[in-house]
Amino acid sequence: MSKPLTPTLSTLWTHNQVCSHCLSALKVDFYKRQIEGVPILSIYAYNEQFKEALYRFKAKGDIELAGVFIDNYKNYLRLKYRGYYIVPIPSSKQRDKERGFNHVEEVFKRLGLPLIYCIKKKVDFKQSDLDYEGRQHVIDKLEVIDGQQISGKRILLVDDLVTTGATIKAALKLVSQYLPRSVQCLTLAYVKEKV
């Protein structure tokens, strides 16, 4: 079992005070693939250490971890996605209220790119509560509000985790109706596809 993360891990990471064992445990992968022909980049492989850190961040509300996930790579990502507008995949409103922040927004706003909040949930649900079949119909639970704000723009869809890709596919279908100039996706982690 891995050691629990401390609330000051972000500060320690920034000052290179996190041991190399802990750093290597969060497996940085920069995994590239395409979903529906759209490039998607995932920073980490979803392993036990990442799962533990994400749990501390999302379920326990440890907001300090937002920087741990992305700060070491934000300069690279700012350059890679220069000119893009961040569009976060929405999370459960109830969970956001309980933890006191939206975890996806909290991480990716650190890139300093403009944010557009145009994808909304029609009903509040947790994606982790959906089975495979339910995830295939997630598009029925999402909608775009004021899609003209993404028309003609470079859009960067962001989320914490990609598993089946169903949520990303749904978001892509929704935003493509408003003719963005281009779309790419960025997630913190990915679950390795079973071969």
N, C-alpha and C. Protein backbone atom coordinates (compact mmCIF):
# COMPACT_ATOMS: atom_id res chain seq x y z
N MET A 1 0.85 -1.19 0.00
CA MET A 1 0.00 0.00 0.00
C MET A 1 0.88 1.24 0.00
N SER A 2 0.51 2.21 -0.81
CA SER A 2 1.32 3.41 -0.90
C SER A 2 1.09 4.31 0.30
N LYS A 3 2.05 5.21 0.53
CA LYS A 3 1.95 6.15 1.64
C LYS A 3 0.88 7.18 1.31
N PRO A 4 0.10 7.65 2.30
CA PRO A 4 -0.90 8.68 2.03
C PRO A 4 -0.23 9.99 1.63
N LEU A 5 -0.89 10.71 0.76
CA LEU A 5 -0.37 12.00 0.31
C LEU A 5 -0.62 13.05 1.37
N THR A 6 0.27 13.99 1.50
CA THR A 6 0.10 15.04 2.50
C THR A 6 -0.61 16.24 1.88
N PRO A 7 -1.30 17.04 2.69
CA PRO A 7 -2.01 18.19 2.15
C PRO A 7 -1.09 19.22 1.52
N THR A 8 0.19 19.18 1.82
CA THR A 8 1.12 20.18 1.28
C THR A 8 1.95 19.61 0.13
N LEU A 9 1.47 18.56 -0.50
CA LEU A 9 2.24 17.93 -1.57
C LEU A 9 2.50 18.88 -2.73
N SER A 10 1.54 19.75 -3.03
CA SER A 10 1.74 20.71 -4.12
C SER A 10 2.95 21.59 -3.86
N THR A 11 3.06 22.10 -2.64
CA THR A 11 4.19 22.96 -2.28
C THR A 11 5.49 22.18 -2.34
N LEU A 12 5.47 20.97 -1.84
CA LEU A 12 6.68 20.15 -1.86
C LEU A 12 7.11 19.84 -3.29
N TRP A 13 6.15 19.52 -4.15
CA TRP A 13 6.46 19.20 -5.54
C TRP A 13 7.11 20.40 -6.22
N THR A 14 6.51 21.56 -6.02
CA THR A 14 7.01 22.78 -6.65
C THR A 14 8.46 23.05 -6.25
N HIS A 15 8.82 22.70 -5.05
CA HIS A 15 10.17 22.95 -4.57
C HIS A 15 11.05 21.70 -4.62
N ASN A 16 10.63 20.72 -5.46
CA ASN A 16 11.39 19.49 -5.67
C ASN A 16 11.72 18.77 -4.36
N GLN A 17 10.76 18.77 -3.44
CA GLN A 17 10.97 18.11 -2.16
C GLN A 17 10.19 16.80 -2.05
N VAL A 18 9.56 16.39 -3.13
CA VAL A 18 8.88 15.11 -3.15
C VAL A 18 9.88 14.08 -3.64
N CYS A 19 9.96 12.97 -2.93
CA CYS A 19 10.97 11.97 -3.28
C CYS A 19 10.71 11.40 -4.67
N SER A 20 11.77 10.96 -5.32
CA SER A 20 11.67 10.45 -6.68
C SER A 20 10.77 9.23 -6.75
N HIS A 21 10.72 8.45 -5.67
CA HIS A 21 9.82 7.29 -5.64
C HIS A 21 8.37 7.74 -5.77
N CYS A 22 7.99 8.78 -5.03
CA CYS A 22 6.61 9.28 -5.09
C CYS A 22 6.31 9.89 -6.47
N LEU A 23 7.29 10.60 -7.01
CA LEU A 23 7.10 11.18 -8.34
C LEU A 23 6.93 10.11 -9.39
N SER A 24 7.75 9.07 -9.32
CA SER A 24 7.68 8.02 -10.33
C SER A 24 6.42 7.17 -10.17
N ALA A 25 5.83 7.16 -8.97
CA ALA A 25 4.61 6.38 -8.74
C ALA A 25 3.44 6.93 -9.54
N LEU A 26 3.38 8.27 -9.68
CA LEU A 26 2.39 8.88 -10.56
C LEU A 26 2.97 8.81 -11.97
N LYS A 27 2.64 7.78 -12.69
CA LYS A 27 3.29 7.48 -13.97
C LYS A 27 2.91 8.49 -15.05
N VAL A 28 3.84 9.40 -15.34
CA VAL A 28 3.63 10.39 -16.40
C VAL A 28 3.81 9.66 -17.73
N ASP A 29 2.80 9.77 -18.57
CA ASP A 29 2.80 8.99 -19.80
C ASP A 29 2.66 9.85 -21.06
N PHE A 30 1.91 10.94 -20.98
CA PHE A 30 1.57 11.76 -22.14
C PHE A 30 1.12 10.86 -23.29
N TYR A 31 0.08 10.09 -22.99
CA TYR A 31 -0.47 9.12 -23.93
C TYR A 31 -1.32 9.82 -24.97
N LYS A 32 -1.01 9.61 -26.23
CA LYS A 32 -1.74 10.24 -27.33
C LYS A 32 -2.55 9.18 -28.08
N ARG A 33 -3.76 9.55 -28.39
CA ARG A 33 -4.60 8.73 -29.24
C ARG A 33 -5.65 9.63 -29.85
N GLN A 34 -6.57 9.03 -30.60
CA GLN A 34 -7.66 9.79 -31.18
C GLN A 34 -8.98 9.15 -30.81
N ILE A 35 -9.97 9.99 -30.59
CA ILE A 35 -11.34 9.55 -30.39
C ILE A 35 -12.18 10.30 -31.41
N GLU A 36 -12.88 9.55 -32.24
CA GLU A 36 -13.68 10.16 -33.31
C GLU A 36 -12.81 11.07 -34.19
N GLY A 37 -11.56 10.70 -34.39
CA GLY A 37 -10.65 11.47 -35.23
C GLY A 37 -10.08 12.72 -34.59
N VAL A 38 -10.38 12.94 -33.30
CA VAL A 38 -9.93 14.13 -32.58
C VAL A 38 -8.77 13.72 -31.66
N PRO A 39 -7.66 14.48 -31.68
CA PRO A 39 -6.53 14.15 -30.80
C PRO A 39 -6.89 14.30 -29.33
N ILE A 40 -6.49 13.31 -28.56
CA ILE A 40 -6.68 13.37 -27.11
C ILE A 40 -5.35 13.03 -26.45
N LEU A 41 -4.97 13.86 -25.50
CA LEU A 41 -3.73 13.67 -24.76
C LEU A 41 -4.07 13.45 -23.29
N SER A 42 -3.51 12.40 -22.71
CA SER A 42 -3.68 12.12 -21.29
C SER A 42 -2.32 12.15 -20.62
N ILE A 43 -2.21 12.91 -19.54
CA ILE A 43 -0.91 13.12 -18.90
C ILE A 43 -0.44 11.88 -18.16
N TYR A 44 -1.32 11.23 -17.41
CA TYR A 44 -0.93 10.11 -16.56
C TYR A 44 -1.62 8.82 -16.97
N ALA A 45 -0.95 7.71 -16.66
CA ALA A 45 -1.61 6.41 -16.70
C ALA A 45 -2.38 6.26 -15.39
N TYR A 46 -3.53 5.67 -15.46
CA TYR A 46 -4.37 5.47 -14.28
C TYR A 46 -3.88 4.24 -13.53
N ASN A 47 -3.08 4.49 -12.49
CA ASN A 47 -2.59 3.39 -11.66
C ASN A 47 -3.07 3.62 -10.23
N GLU A 48 -2.66 2.77 -9.31
CA GLU A 48 -3.13 2.87 -7.92
C GLU A 48 -2.73 4.20 -7.28
N GLN A 49 -1.54 4.69 -7.57
CA GLN A 49 -1.09 5.95 -6.97
C GLN A 49 -1.90 7.13 -7.50
N PHE A 50 -2.17 7.11 -8.82
CA PHE A 50 -2.98 8.19 -9.38
C PHE A 50 -4.40 8.10 -8.81
N LYS A 51 -4.93 6.89 -8.74
CA LYS A 51 -6.28 6.69 -8.19
C LYS A 51 -6.37 7.24 -6.77
N GLU A 52 -5.34 6.98 -5.96
CA GLU A 52 -5.32 7.48 -4.58
C GLU A 52 -5.26 9.01 -4.54
N ALA A 53 -4.42 9.59 -5.39
CA ALA A 53 -4.30 11.05 -5.43
C ALA A 53 -5.60 11.68 -5.91
N LEU A 54 -6.22 11.10 -6.93
CA LEU A 54 -7.48 11.63 -7.44
C LEU A 54 -8.59 11.52 -6.39
N TYR A 55 -8.58 10.42 -5.65
CA TYR A 55 -9.55 10.25 -4.56
C TYR A 55 -9.36 11.33 -3.50
N ARG A 56 -8.12 11.59 -3.12
CA ARG A 56 -7.84 12.65 -2.13
C ARG A 56 -8.33 14.00 -2.64
N PHE A 57 -8.14 14.24 -3.91
CA PHE A 57 -8.50 15.51 -4.52
C PHE A 57 -10.02 15.65 -4.66
N LYS A 58 -10.68 14.64 -5.27
CA LYS A 58 -12.11 14.72 -5.55
C LYS A 58 -12.97 14.40 -4.34
N ALA A 59 -12.73 13.28 -3.72
CA ALA A 59 -13.62 12.82 -2.65
C ALA A 59 -13.35 13.50 -1.32
N LYS A 60 -12.08 13.81 -1.06
CA LYS A 60 -11.72 14.41 0.22
C LYS A 60 -11.57 15.93 0.14
N GLY A 61 -11.67 16.49 -1.07
CA GLY A 61 -11.62 17.94 -1.22
C GLY A 61 -10.26 18.56 -0.96
N ASP A 62 -9.18 17.81 -1.20
CA ASP A 62 -7.82 18.30 -0.97
C ASP A 62 -7.38 19.17 -2.15
N ILE A 63 -7.81 20.42 -2.13
CA ILE A 63 -7.61 21.34 -3.25
C ILE A 63 -6.13 21.59 -3.57
N GLU A 64 -5.25 21.39 -2.59
CA GLU A 64 -3.81 21.57 -2.81
C GLU A 64 -3.28 20.66 -3.92
N LEU A 65 -3.95 19.56 -4.16
CA LEU A 65 -3.46 18.60 -5.15
C LEU A 65 -3.67 19.08 -6.58
N ALA A 66 -4.47 20.10 -6.80
CA ALA A 66 -4.69 20.61 -8.17
C ALA A 66 -3.37 20.93 -8.84
N GLY A 67 -2.49 21.58 -8.12
CA GLY A 67 -1.19 21.94 -8.69
C GLY A 67 -0.29 20.75 -8.91
N VAL A 68 -0.39 19.76 -8.05
CA VAL A 68 0.44 18.56 -8.18
C VAL A 68 0.21 17.89 -9.52
N PHE A 69 -1.05 17.84 -9.93
CA PHE A 69 -1.39 17.14 -11.15
C PHE A 69 -0.84 17.82 -12.41
N ILE A 70 -0.69 19.15 -12.39
CA ILE A 70 -0.43 19.82 -13.67
C ILE A 70 0.71 20.83 -13.67
N ASP A 71 1.11 21.35 -12.51
CA ASP A 71 2.05 22.47 -12.50
C ASP A 71 3.38 22.19 -13.18
N ASN A 72 3.90 20.97 -13.08
CA ASN A 72 5.18 20.67 -13.72
C ASN A 72 5.11 20.70 -15.23
N TYR A 73 3.90 20.64 -15.79
CA TYR A 73 3.73 20.54 -17.24
C TYR A 73 2.97 21.72 -17.84
N LYS A 74 2.62 22.70 -17.00
CA LYS A 74 1.75 23.75 -17.51
C LYS A 74 2.40 24.62 -18.58
N ASN A 75 3.70 24.87 -18.49
CA ASN A 75 4.33 25.68 -19.54
C ASN A 75 4.29 24.97 -20.89
N TYR A 76 4.57 23.68 -20.89
CA TYR A 76 4.49 22.89 -22.12
C TYR A 76 3.06 22.89 -22.66
N LEU A 77 2.09 22.68 -21.77
CA LEU A 77 0.69 22.61 -22.21
C LEU A 77 0.17 23.97 -22.67
N ARG A 78 0.62 25.04 -22.04
CA ARG A 78 0.23 26.39 -22.50
C ARG A 78 0.69 26.63 -23.93
N LEU A 79 1.91 26.22 -24.23
CA LEU A 79 2.43 26.38 -25.59
C LEU A 79 1.70 25.47 -26.56
N LYS A 80 1.50 24.24 -26.18
CA LYS A 80 0.84 23.27 -27.06
C LYS A 80 -0.57 23.72 -27.41
N TYR A 81 -1.28 24.30 -26.45
CA TYR A 81 -2.67 24.68 -26.66
C TYR A 81 -2.86 26.19 -26.71
N ARG A 82 -1.84 26.90 -27.11
CA ARG A 82 -1.95 28.36 -27.24
C ARG A 82 -3.05 28.69 -28.26
N GLY A 83 -3.90 29.62 -27.90
CA GLY A 83 -5.01 30.02 -28.77
C GLY A 83 -6.28 29.20 -28.57
N TYR A 84 -6.24 28.21 -27.67
CA TYR A 84 -7.41 27.38 -27.40
C TYR A 84 -8.21 27.93 -26.23
N TYR A 85 -9.49 27.61 -26.24
CA TYR A 85 -10.39 27.91 -25.14
C TYR A 85 -10.72 26.60 -24.44
N ILE A 86 -10.57 26.59 -23.13
CA ILE A 86 -10.86 25.39 -22.35
C ILE A 86 -12.37 25.25 -22.16
N VAL A 87 -12.89 24.07 -22.47
CA VAL A 87 -14.28 23.74 -22.20
C VAL A 87 -14.27 22.50 -21.30
N PRO A 88 -14.56 22.69 -20.00
CA PRO A 88 -14.55 21.55 -19.08
C PRO A 88 -15.77 20.65 -19.28
N ILE A 89 -15.54 19.35 -19.17
CA ILE A 89 -16.64 18.40 -19.10
C ILE A 89 -17.27 18.59 -17.72
N PRO A 90 -18.58 18.77 -17.64
CA PRO A 90 -19.19 19.06 -16.32
C PRO A 90 -19.15 17.86 -15.39
N SER A 91 -19.05 18.15 -14.11
CA SER A 91 -19.09 17.11 -13.10
C SER A 91 -20.39 17.25 -12.32
N SER A 92 -20.57 16.38 -11.36
CA SER A 92 -21.78 16.39 -10.54
C SER A 92 -21.87 17.69 -9.73
N LYS A 93 -22.95 18.42 -9.88
CA LYS A 93 -23.13 19.67 -9.13
C LYS A 93 -23.16 19.41 -7.63
N GLN A 94 -23.78 18.30 -7.27
CA GLN A 94 -23.86 17.95 -5.85
C GLN A 94 -22.47 17.71 -5.28
N ARG A 95 -21.63 16.96 -6.01
CA ARG A 95 -20.27 16.68 -5.54
C ARG A 95 -19.44 17.97 -5.50
N ASP A 96 -19.60 18.84 -6.50
CA ASP A 96 -18.89 20.12 -6.50
C ASP A 96 -19.27 20.92 -5.26
N LYS A 97 -20.55 20.92 -4.93
CA LYS A 97 -21.03 21.66 -3.76
C LYS A 97 -20.44 21.07 -2.48
N GLU A 98 -20.42 19.75 -2.38
CA GLU A 98 -19.89 19.09 -1.19
C GLU A 98 -18.40 19.36 -0.99
N ARG A 99 -17.63 19.31 -2.08
CA ARG A 99 -16.17 19.51 -1.92
C ARG A 99 -15.79 20.98 -1.92
N GLY A 100 -16.68 21.85 -2.42
CA GLY A 100 -16.42 23.28 -2.41
C GLY A 100 -15.73 23.81 -3.65
N PHE A 101 -15.52 22.97 -4.65
CA PHE A 101 -14.91 23.40 -5.91
C PHE A 101 -15.17 22.36 -6.99
N ASN A 102 -15.04 22.79 -8.24
CA ASN A 102 -15.12 21.87 -9.37
C ASN A 102 -13.70 21.40 -9.66
N HIS A 103 -13.46 20.12 -9.50
CA HIS A 103 -12.10 19.59 -9.59
C HIS A 103 -11.48 19.74 -10.98
N VAL A 104 -12.28 19.58 -12.04
CA VAL A 104 -11.75 19.71 -13.40
C VAL A 104 -11.33 21.16 -13.66
N GLU A 105 -12.20 22.08 -13.30
CA GLU A 105 -11.89 23.51 -13.46
C GLU A 105 -10.66 23.90 -12.64
N GLU A 106 -10.60 23.42 -11.41
CA GLU A 106 -9.50 23.80 -10.51
C GLU A 106 -8.14 23.39 -11.06
N VAL A 107 -8.06 22.23 -11.70
CA VAL A 107 -6.80 21.78 -12.28
C VAL A 107 -6.46 22.58 -13.53
N PHE A 108 -7.39 22.63 -14.48
CA PHE A 108 -7.05 23.15 -15.80
C PHE A 108 -7.04 24.67 -15.89
N LYS A 109 -7.63 25.37 -14.93
CA LYS A 109 -7.54 26.83 -14.94
C LYS A 109 -6.10 27.28 -14.70
N ARG A 110 -5.28 26.38 -14.15
CA ARG A 110 -3.88 26.69 -13.89
C ARG A 110 -3.09 26.88 -15.19
N LEU A 111 -3.67 26.47 -16.32
CA LEU A 111 -3.00 26.69 -17.61
C LEU A 111 -3.09 28.15 -18.05
N GLY A 112 -4.00 28.90 -17.46
CA GLY A 112 -4.13 30.32 -17.81
C GLY A 112 -4.82 30.57 -19.14
N LEU A 113 -5.46 29.55 -19.70
CA LEU A 113 -6.21 29.72 -20.95
C LEU A 113 -7.64 30.13 -20.61
N PRO A 114 -8.30 30.85 -21.51
CA PRO A 114 -9.68 31.26 -21.22
C PRO A 114 -10.60 30.04 -21.14
N LEU A 115 -11.57 30.12 -20.23
CA LEU A 115 -12.54 29.04 -20.03
C LEU A 115 -13.90 29.43 -20.58
N ILE A 116 -14.56 28.46 -21.19
CA ILE A 116 -15.94 28.63 -21.64
C ILE A 116 -16.75 27.52 -21.01
N TYR A 117 -17.78 27.90 -20.27
CA TYR A 117 -18.65 26.92 -19.61
C TYR A 117 -19.92 26.76 -20.45
N CYS A 118 -19.87 25.88 -21.41
CA CYS A 118 -21.03 25.76 -22.30
C CYS A 118 -21.65 24.37 -22.29
N ILE A 119 -20.97 23.36 -21.75
CA ILE A 119 -21.57 22.03 -21.65
C ILE A 119 -22.15 21.89 -20.24
N LYS A 120 -23.41 21.56 -20.19
CA LYS A 120 -24.12 21.43 -18.92
C LYS A 120 -24.78 20.06 -18.85
N LYS A 121 -24.99 19.60 -17.63
CA LYS A 121 -25.75 18.37 -17.41
C LYS A 121 -27.23 18.72 -17.34
N LYS A 122 -28.04 17.96 -18.06
CA LYS A 122 -29.50 18.16 -17.98
C LYS A 122 -30.02 17.67 -16.63
N VAL A 123 -29.42 16.59 -16.15
CA VAL A 123 -29.74 16.05 -14.83
C VAL A 123 -28.42 15.79 -14.12
N ASP A 124 -28.42 15.94 -12.81
CA ASP A 124 -27.18 15.73 -12.07
C ASP A 124 -26.92 14.24 -11.90
N PHE A 125 -25.75 13.80 -12.32
CA PHE A 125 -25.37 12.39 -12.19
C PHE A 125 -23.86 12.30 -12.07
N LYS A 126 -23.40 11.20 -11.49
CA LYS A 126 -21.98 10.91 -11.42
C LYS A 126 -21.66 9.90 -12.50
N GLN A 127 -20.67 10.21 -13.33
CA GLN A 127 -20.31 9.29 -14.41
C GLN A 127 -19.87 7.94 -13.86
N SER A 128 -19.23 7.94 -12.70
CA SER A 128 -18.76 6.69 -12.11
C SER A 128 -19.91 5.78 -11.68
N ASP A 129 -21.12 6.35 -11.54
CA ASP A 129 -22.27 5.54 -11.17
C ASP A 129 -22.92 4.85 -12.37
N LEU A 130 -22.51 5.24 -13.57
CA LEU A 130 -23.11 4.66 -14.78
C LEU A 130 -22.38 3.39 -15.18
N ASP A 131 -23.15 2.39 -15.59
CA ASP A 131 -22.53 1.18 -16.13
C ASP A 131 -22.14 1.44 -17.59
N TYR A 132 -21.58 0.44 -18.23
CA TYR A 132 -21.11 0.61 -19.61
C TYR A 132 -22.24 1.09 -20.52
N GLU A 133 -23.39 0.45 -20.40
CA GLU A 133 -24.53 0.82 -21.24
C GLU A 133 -24.98 2.25 -20.97
N GLY A 134 -25.02 2.64 -19.70
CA GLY A 134 -25.40 3.99 -19.35
C GLY A 134 -24.43 5.03 -19.90
N ARG A 135 -23.16 4.70 -19.93
CA ARG A 135 -22.15 5.62 -20.46
C ARG A 135 -22.31 5.83 -21.96
N GLN A 136 -22.83 4.82 -22.66
CA GLN A 136 -23.02 4.94 -24.10
C GLN A 136 -24.13 5.94 -24.44
N HIS A 137 -24.98 6.24 -23.46
CA HIS A 137 -26.10 7.18 -23.69
C HIS A 137 -25.92 8.48 -22.90
N VAL A 138 -24.69 8.78 -22.52
CA VAL A 138 -24.45 9.98 -21.72
C VAL A 138 -24.78 11.25 -22.50
N ILE A 139 -24.76 11.19 -23.83
CA ILE A 139 -25.10 12.37 -24.63
C ILE A 139 -26.52 12.85 -24.33
N ASP A 140 -27.41 11.92 -23.96
CA ASP A 140 -28.78 12.29 -23.63
C ASP A 140 -28.87 13.09 -22.33
N LYS A 141 -27.81 13.07 -21.54
CA LYS A 141 -27.80 13.76 -20.24
C LYS A 141 -27.05 15.10 -20.29
N LEU A 142 -26.48 15.43 -21.46
CA LEU A 142 -25.70 16.66 -21.61
C LEU A 142 -26.33 17.58 -22.64
N GLU A 143 -26.02 18.87 -22.53
CA GLU A 143 -26.47 19.84 -23.52
C GLU A 143 -25.48 20.99 -23.60
N VAL A 144 -25.53 21.70 -24.71
CA VAL A 144 -24.70 22.89 -24.89
C VAL A 144 -25.58 24.11 -24.67
N ILE A 145 -25.09 25.01 -23.84
CA ILE A 145 -25.77 26.28 -23.58
C ILE A 145 -25.00 27.37 -24.31
N ASP A 146 -25.68 28.17 -25.10
CA ASP A 146 -25.06 29.28 -25.84
C ASP A 146 -23.87 28.79 -26.66
N GLY A 147 -24.14 27.90 -27.59
CA GLY A 147 -23.09 27.32 -28.43
C GLY A 147 -22.37 28.31 -29.31
N GLN A 148 -22.95 29.48 -29.53
CA GLN A 148 -22.28 30.47 -30.38
C GLN A 148 -20.96 30.95 -29.79
N GLN A 149 -20.79 30.79 -28.48
CA GLN A 149 -19.54 31.23 -27.86
C GLN A 149 -18.36 30.31 -28.23
N ILE A 150 -18.64 29.13 -28.81
CA ILE A 150 -17.55 28.26 -29.24
C ILE A 150 -17.39 28.23 -30.76
N SER A 151 -18.32 28.84 -31.45
CA SER A 151 -18.29 28.86 -32.91
C SER A 151 -17.03 29.56 -33.42
N GLY A 152 -16.30 28.88 -34.30
CA GLY A 152 -15.10 29.45 -34.91
C GLY A 152 -13.87 29.49 -34.01
N LYS A 153 -13.97 28.95 -32.81
CA LYS A 153 -12.85 28.99 -31.87
C LYS A 153 -12.14 27.64 -31.79
N ARG A 154 -10.90 27.67 -31.33
CA ARG A 154 -10.16 26.44 -31.03
C ARG A 154 -10.58 25.99 -29.64
N ILE A 155 -11.12 24.80 -29.56
CA ILE A 155 -11.70 24.30 -28.32
C ILE A 155 -10.86 23.15 -27.76
N LEU A 156 -10.58 23.23 -26.46
CA LEU A 156 -9.87 22.17 -25.75
C LEU A 156 -10.82 21.59 -24.70
N LEU A 157 -11.37 20.42 -24.99
CA LEU A 157 -12.22 19.73 -24.02
C LEU A 157 -11.32 19.13 -22.95
N VAL A 158 -11.65 19.33 -21.69
CA VAL A 158 -10.81 18.81 -20.60
C VAL A 158 -11.66 18.00 -19.63
N ASP A 159 -11.05 16.95 -19.09
CA ASP A 159 -11.69 16.12 -18.08
C ASP A 159 -10.60 15.49 -17.22
N ASP A 160 -11.00 14.90 -16.11
CA ASP A 160 -10.01 14.29 -15.23
C ASP A 160 -9.56 12.93 -15.73
N LEU A 161 -10.49 12.15 -16.29
CA LEU A 161 -10.19 10.76 -16.61
C LEU A 161 -10.98 10.32 -17.83
N VAL A 162 -10.35 9.58 -18.71
CA VAL A 162 -11.06 8.96 -19.83
C VAL A 162 -10.98 7.45 -19.64
N THR A 163 -12.16 6.83 -19.65
CA THR A 163 -12.22 5.37 -19.50
C THR A 163 -12.70 4.77 -20.81
N THR A 164 -14.01 4.71 -21.02
CA THR A 164 -14.53 4.16 -22.28
C THR A 164 -14.47 5.18 -23.42
N GLY A 165 -14.34 6.45 -23.08
CA GLY A 165 -14.35 7.51 -24.10
C GLY A 165 -15.75 8.00 -24.44
N ALA A 166 -16.78 7.43 -23.81
CA ALA A 166 -18.16 7.78 -24.15
C ALA A 166 -18.48 9.24 -23.84
N THR A 167 -17.99 9.74 -22.73
CA THR A 167 -18.28 11.13 -22.36
C THR A 167 -17.59 12.09 -23.32
N ILE A 168 -16.34 11.80 -23.66
CA ILE A 168 -15.63 12.65 -24.63
C ILE A 168 -16.34 12.62 -25.98
N LYS A 169 -16.76 11.43 -26.43
CA LYS A 169 -17.49 11.31 -27.71
C LYS A 169 -18.76 12.15 -27.68
N ALA A 170 -19.49 12.08 -26.56
CA ALA A 170 -20.72 12.86 -26.45
C ALA A 170 -20.44 14.35 -26.51
N ALA A 171 -19.42 14.79 -25.79
CA ALA A 171 -19.05 16.21 -25.80
C ALA A 171 -18.62 16.65 -27.20
N LEU A 172 -17.88 15.80 -27.89
CA LEU A 172 -17.44 16.13 -29.25
C LEU A 172 -18.64 16.31 -30.19
N LYS A 173 -19.61 15.42 -30.09
CA LYS A 173 -20.81 15.52 -30.93
C LYS A 173 -21.55 16.82 -30.63
N LEU A 174 -21.64 17.16 -29.36
CA LEU A 174 -22.37 18.37 -28.98
C LEU A 174 -21.68 19.64 -29.48
N VAL A 175 -20.37 19.75 -29.26
CA VAL A 175 -19.68 20.99 -29.64
C VAL A 175 -19.51 21.10 -31.15
N SER A 176 -19.42 19.97 -31.86
CA SER A 176 -19.20 20.02 -33.31
C SER A 176 -20.36 20.66 -34.05
N GLN A 177 -21.56 20.65 -33.45
CA GLN A 177 -22.73 21.28 -34.07
C GLN A 177 -22.55 22.79 -34.23
N TYR A 178 -21.64 23.36 -33.44
CA TYR A 178 -21.46 24.81 -33.44
C TYR A 178 -20.21 25.24 -34.21
N LEU A 179 -19.67 24.33 -34.99
CA LEU A 179 -18.57 24.59 -35.92
C LEU A 179 -17.38 25.31 -35.30
N PRO A 180 -16.78 24.71 -34.29
CA PRO A 180 -15.54 25.30 -33.77
C PRO A 180 -14.45 25.19 -34.84
N ARG A 181 -13.47 26.05 -34.75
CA ARG A 181 -12.37 26.03 -35.72
C ARG A 181 -11.61 24.71 -35.64
N SER A 182 -11.34 24.25 -34.43
CA SER A 182 -10.72 22.94 -34.21
C SER A 182 -11.04 22.49 -32.79
N VAL A 183 -10.90 21.19 -32.55
CA VAL A 183 -11.15 20.63 -31.22
C VAL A 183 -10.05 19.64 -30.89
N GLN A 184 -9.55 19.74 -29.67
CA GLN A 184 -8.66 18.73 -29.12
C GLN A 184 -9.13 18.42 -27.70
N CYS A 185 -8.61 17.33 -27.15
CA CYS A 185 -9.01 16.91 -25.81
C CYS A 185 -7.78 16.70 -24.95
N LEU A 186 -7.90 17.03 -23.67
CA LEU A 186 -6.83 16.84 -22.71
C LEU A 186 -7.44 16.29 -21.43
N THR A 187 -6.88 15.18 -20.94
CA THR A 187 -7.34 14.62 -19.67
C THR A 187 -6.14 14.41 -18.76
N LEU A 188 -6.42 14.38 -17.48
CA LEU A 188 -5.34 14.09 -16.54
C LEU A 188 -4.84 12.67 -16.73
N ALA A 189 -5.75 11.71 -16.88
CA ALA A 189 -5.33 10.31 -16.94
C ALA A 189 -6.24 9.52 -17.88
N TYR A 190 -5.77 8.33 -18.19
CA TYR A 190 -6.54 7.41 -19.02
C TYR A 190 -6.48 6.02 -18.40
N VAL A 191 -7.54 5.28 -18.60
CA VAL A 191 -7.55 3.88 -18.21
C VAL A 191 -7.12 3.10 -19.44
N LYS A 192 -6.09 2.29 -19.28
CA LYS A 192 -5.53 1.54 -20.41
C LYS A 192 -6.58 0.64 -21.03
N GLU A 193 -6.66 0.72 -22.35
CA GLU A 193 -7.62 -0.11 -23.07
C GLU A 193 -7.22 -1.58 -22.95
N LYS A 194 -8.23 -2.44 -22.73
CA LYS A 194 -7.96 -3.87 -22.64
C LYS A 194 -7.80 -4.43 -24.05
N VAL A 195 -6.76 -5.22 -24.22
CA VAL A 195 -6.49 -5.79 -25.54
C VAL A 195 -7.06 -7.19 -25.63
